[in-house]
Structures are given as structure tokens and as C-alpha cells.
Amino acid sequence: MPGRMGLTTKERKAVLRNQASNLLWYGKIEVTAGHVQSLKSYVEKIITLAVNTYMDTVETTVTTKDAKGKEVTKKVIKDGVKKLAARRKIMALTYDIQFTKEVKESKAEFRARTKGINHPLIEKIFNEIAPKYAERKEQLGQGGGYTRKYLKGERRGDAAEVAIIELV
């Protein structure tokens, strides 16, 4: 049952959302073979949305006063209308995964590395994944096909067929 996965609608959406978030964050996950097709189409829609809108930015100038009372003009790059809408839609389709502190990383280094990033998964999608696949689309003339699956065999215990799905 690749369409329903033997779950209720609420459960199925939660499972897809969780698996899609982990796949986009880590690049590769292991799931049962029945979940692969549903997950594949779910993730490819998210990536396509990001690829089509990641370049939509608007540059504006903002004038503010500093501590001494002088006016300072800054150039600010903001999301355009289409990118903002895509960002919000992707946020609705995925869970927010936060950064974790590395093994020998101090608190100050961790704060410096994560400063100004509220939604790391969304930033990764728009800053790393979307440009990579947009370049691939230009070179190969091919949009889509962002994921690949490998059948791994049966899982010990319940004999469910397991597959690995990864981003190409």
C-alpha cells in the first residue's frame, strides 16, 4: 500500500513530514520499502518549490540611527513575495530541525555558528540544496529526479523490506 502506508491521514502526514525533514537534513535515511514512493514524491515537491523560487530576493536600503545619533544607511536583502510564500509552505510541510552542539565545541563557538539562523532546515534547503539542483537542472536540462532508492533487504525482527533513500 504505497499510497496509504497502513496509517490514518493524520499519522501518515506526521510520518511523511518527519521522514522528509530528516532526509533533507541528513541527505540519506533508511525506511521501509512501502514508505519510499510516498516519501519520494513528497520530498521532490518540496525541492522543486525551493528550486523555482530561491533566487527571488529584493534589495532595499534602510536608514537607521546609531548610538551617536548619526544616520546610517544599510542595504538589506529580503525574500521576494514568491520566495516568502514558498518558505512558509515548506515550513508547513517539514518539521524544524535545530543545530546540535559538536563534541568539542564551546558554547561561544556554537552561538557564533548558529547566530541569526532561526530555521536551520529551511536555510539549508534554500542556501545549499536548491542552488545545487538548479545548477544540475541547467547542466542536464532535467528537473526532478532528486532522490534515489536502494533496496536493502529484510529487517531482522519483523521481516519488513527496508530501503535507503538519499538525495542525488
Protein backbone atom coordinates (compact mmCIF):
# COMPACT_ATOMS: atom_id res chain seq x y z
CA MET A 1 0.00 0.00 0.00
CA PRO A 2 2.32 2.81 -1.10
CA GLY A 3 -0.46 5.39 -1.02
CA ARG A 4 -1.84 4.92 2.47
CA MET A 5 1.04 3.13 4.22
CA GLY A 6 -1.48 1.43 6.53
CA LEU A 7 -1.93 4.62 8.57
CA THR A 8 -4.64 7.17 9.22
CA THR A 9 -4.33 10.52 7.42
CA LYS A 10 -3.03 12.33 10.49
CA GLU A 11 -0.44 9.64 11.20
CA ARG A 12 0.63 9.42 7.55
CA LYS A 13 1.18 13.17 7.29
CA ALA A 14 3.20 13.19 10.51
CA VAL A 15 5.37 10.28 9.34
CA LEU A 16 5.98 11.86 5.91
CA ARG A 17 6.76 15.23 7.48
CA ASN A 18 9.24 13.66 9.90
CA GLN A 19 10.94 11.48 7.28
CA ALA A 20 11.13 14.35 4.78
CA SER A 21 12.71 16.63 7.38
CA ASN A 22 15.32 14.01 8.25
CA LEU A 23 16.04 13.23 4.59
CA LEU A 24 16.57 16.90 3.75
CA TRP A 25 18.72 17.45 6.86
CA TYR A 26 20.93 14.34 6.70
CA GLY A 27 20.76 13.59 2.95
CA LYS A 28 20.08 9.88 3.46
CA ILE A 29 17.73 7.81 5.62
CA GLU A 30 16.60 4.21 5.98
CA VAL A 31 12.85 3.49 5.77
CA THR A 32 10.58 0.60 4.91
CA ALA A 33 10.13 -0.06 1.21
CA GLY A 34 6.43 0.81 1.38
CA HIS A 35 7.18 4.35 2.52
CA VAL A 36 9.73 5.11 -0.19
CA GLN A 37 7.40 6.10 -3.03
CA SER A 38 5.25 8.38 -0.88
CA LEU A 39 8.32 9.99 0.67
CA LYS A 40 10.00 10.40 -2.71
CA SER A 41 7.12 12.37 -4.23
CA TYR A 42 6.71 14.44 -1.03
CA VAL A 43 10.38 15.47 -0.93
CA GLU A 44 10.63 16.15 -4.66
CA LYS A 45 7.72 18.60 -4.45
CA ILE A 46 9.49 20.46 -1.65
CA ILE A 47 12.78 20.63 -3.56
CA THR A 48 11.06 21.72 -6.78
CA LEU A 49 9.32 24.53 -4.91
CA ALA A 50 12.66 25.68 -3.49
CA VAL A 51 14.48 25.44 -6.83
CA ASN A 52 11.83 27.52 -8.60
CA THR A 53 11.86 30.33 -6.01
CA TYR A 54 15.27 30.50 -4.31
CA MET A 55 16.51 33.40 -6.49
CA ASP A 56 13.54 35.69 -5.69
CA THR A 57 15.13 38.38 -3.50
CA VAL A 58 14.55 42.10 -3.08
CA GLU A 59 17.30 44.55 -2.17
CA THR A 60 16.24 47.58 -0.16
CA THR A 61 18.03 50.36 1.70
CA VAL A 62 17.22 51.06 5.32
CA THR A 63 18.21 54.24 7.17
CA THR A 64 18.65 53.94 10.93
CA LYS A 65 20.30 55.98 13.68
CA ASP A 66 23.27 54.56 15.52
CA ALA A 67 24.20 55.12 19.19
CA LYS A 68 25.77 58.54 18.46
CA GLY A 69 22.69 59.79 16.61
CA LYS A 70 24.15 59.60 13.10
CA GLU A 71 22.05 58.24 10.29
CA VAL A 72 23.39 55.02 8.85
CA THR A 73 22.22 53.60 5.52
CA LYS A 74 22.35 49.84 5.04
CA LYS A 75 21.50 47.64 2.10
CA VAL A 76 19.23 44.78 3.17
CA ILE A 77 18.41 41.72 1.08
CA LYS A 78 14.98 40.29 1.82
CA ASP A 79 12.93 37.47 0.37
CA GLY A 80 10.66 38.31 -2.53
CA VAL A 81 6.97 37.52 -2.48
CA LYS A 82 7.26 34.13 -4.19
CA LYS A 83 10.22 33.01 -2.07
CA LEU A 84 8.48 34.05 1.14
CA ALA A 85 5.37 32.10 0.18
CA ALA A 86 7.49 29.06 -0.73
CA ARG A 87 9.42 29.35 2.54
CA ARG A 88 6.17 29.37 4.53
CA LYS A 89 4.78 26.42 2.60
CA ILE A 90 7.96 24.39 3.13
CA MET A 91 7.83 25.25 6.83
CA ALA A 92 4.33 23.78 6.91
CA LEU A 93 5.49 20.61 5.13
CA THR A 94 8.55 19.90 7.34
CA TYR A 95 9.48 19.90 11.00
CA ASP A 96 12.03 22.38 12.27
CA ILE A 97 15.34 20.65 12.96
CA GLN A 98 17.77 22.60 15.12
CA PHE A 99 21.56 22.59 15.14
CA THR A 100 23.27 20.39 17.70
CA LYS A 101 26.44 21.26 19.54
CA GLU A 102 29.52 19.43 18.23
CA VAL A 103 31.56 17.21 20.56
CA LYS A 104 34.44 19.59 21.34
CA GLU A 105 32.67 22.84 20.53
CA SER A 106 32.39 25.52 23.21
CA LYS A 107 29.16 27.36 23.94
CA ALA A 108 30.55 30.58 22.45
CA GLU A 109 31.59 28.83 19.22
CA PHE A 110 28.16 27.18 18.96
CA ARG A 111 26.40 30.54 19.42
CA ALA A 112 28.65 32.17 16.82
CA ARG A 113 27.99 29.36 14.33
CA THR A 114 24.21 29.49 14.78
CA LYS A 115 23.77 33.24 15.24
CA GLY A 116 20.92 34.70 13.22
CA ILE A 117 19.59 31.35 11.96
CA ASN A 118 16.09 30.69 13.28
CA HIS A 119 15.12 27.81 10.99
CA PRO A 120 18.25 25.83 10.01
CA LEU A 121 16.48 23.26 7.83
CA ILE A 122 14.76 25.94 5.74
CA GLU A 123 18.04 27.83 5.37
CA LYS A 124 19.77 24.62 4.27
CA ILE A 125 17.06 23.95 1.67
CA PHE A 126 17.27 27.45 0.16
CA ASN A 127 21.05 28.03 0.50
CA GLU A 128 22.51 24.58 -0.25
CA ILE A 129 20.02 22.16 -1.76
CA ALA A 130 18.11 24.48 -4.14
CA PRO A 131 21.21 26.04 -5.82
CA LYS A 132 22.77 22.60 -6.25
CA TYR A 133 19.72 21.20 -8.04
CA ALA A 134 19.15 24.40 -10.03
CA GLU A 135 22.68 24.07 -11.41
CA ARG A 136 22.02 20.39 -12.14
CA LYS A 137 18.82 21.40 -13.94
CA GLU A 138 20.75 23.84 -16.14
CA GLN A 139 23.54 21.40 -16.96
CA LEU A 140 21.45 18.31 -17.63
CA GLY A 141 18.25 20.04 -18.70
CA GLN A 142 16.46 17.85 -16.21
CA GLY A 143 14.18 18.99 -13.41
CA GLY A 144 13.19 16.39 -10.87
CA GLY A 145 14.77 13.09 -10.02
CA TYR A 146 16.29 14.46 -6.83
CA THR A 147 16.15 11.20 -4.88
CA ARG A 148 17.47 7.67 -5.32
CA LYS A 149 16.47 4.46 -3.56
CA TYR A 150 18.31 1.26 -2.80
CA LEU A 151 16.55 -1.87 -1.61
CA LYS A 152 18.47 -3.25 1.34
CA GLY A 153 16.64 -6.47 2.18
CA GLU A 154 14.51 -7.67 5.05
CA ARG A 155 14.76 -6.22 8.52
CA ARG A 156 15.50 -8.64 11.30
CA GLY A 157 12.63 -8.98 13.75
CA ASP A 158 9.58 -8.17 11.66
CA ALA A 159 10.88 -9.10 8.19
CA ALA A 160 9.83 -5.75 6.71
CA GLU A 161 11.61 -4.89 3.49
CA VAL A 162 13.96 -1.95 4.11
CA ALA A 163 15.22 0.62 1.62
CA ILE A 164 17.68 3.51 1.76
CA ILE A 165 16.53 6.76 0.18
CA GLU A 166 19.06 9.53 -0.48
CA LEU A 167 19.36 12.84 -2.25
CA VAL A 168 21.20 12.54 -5.55
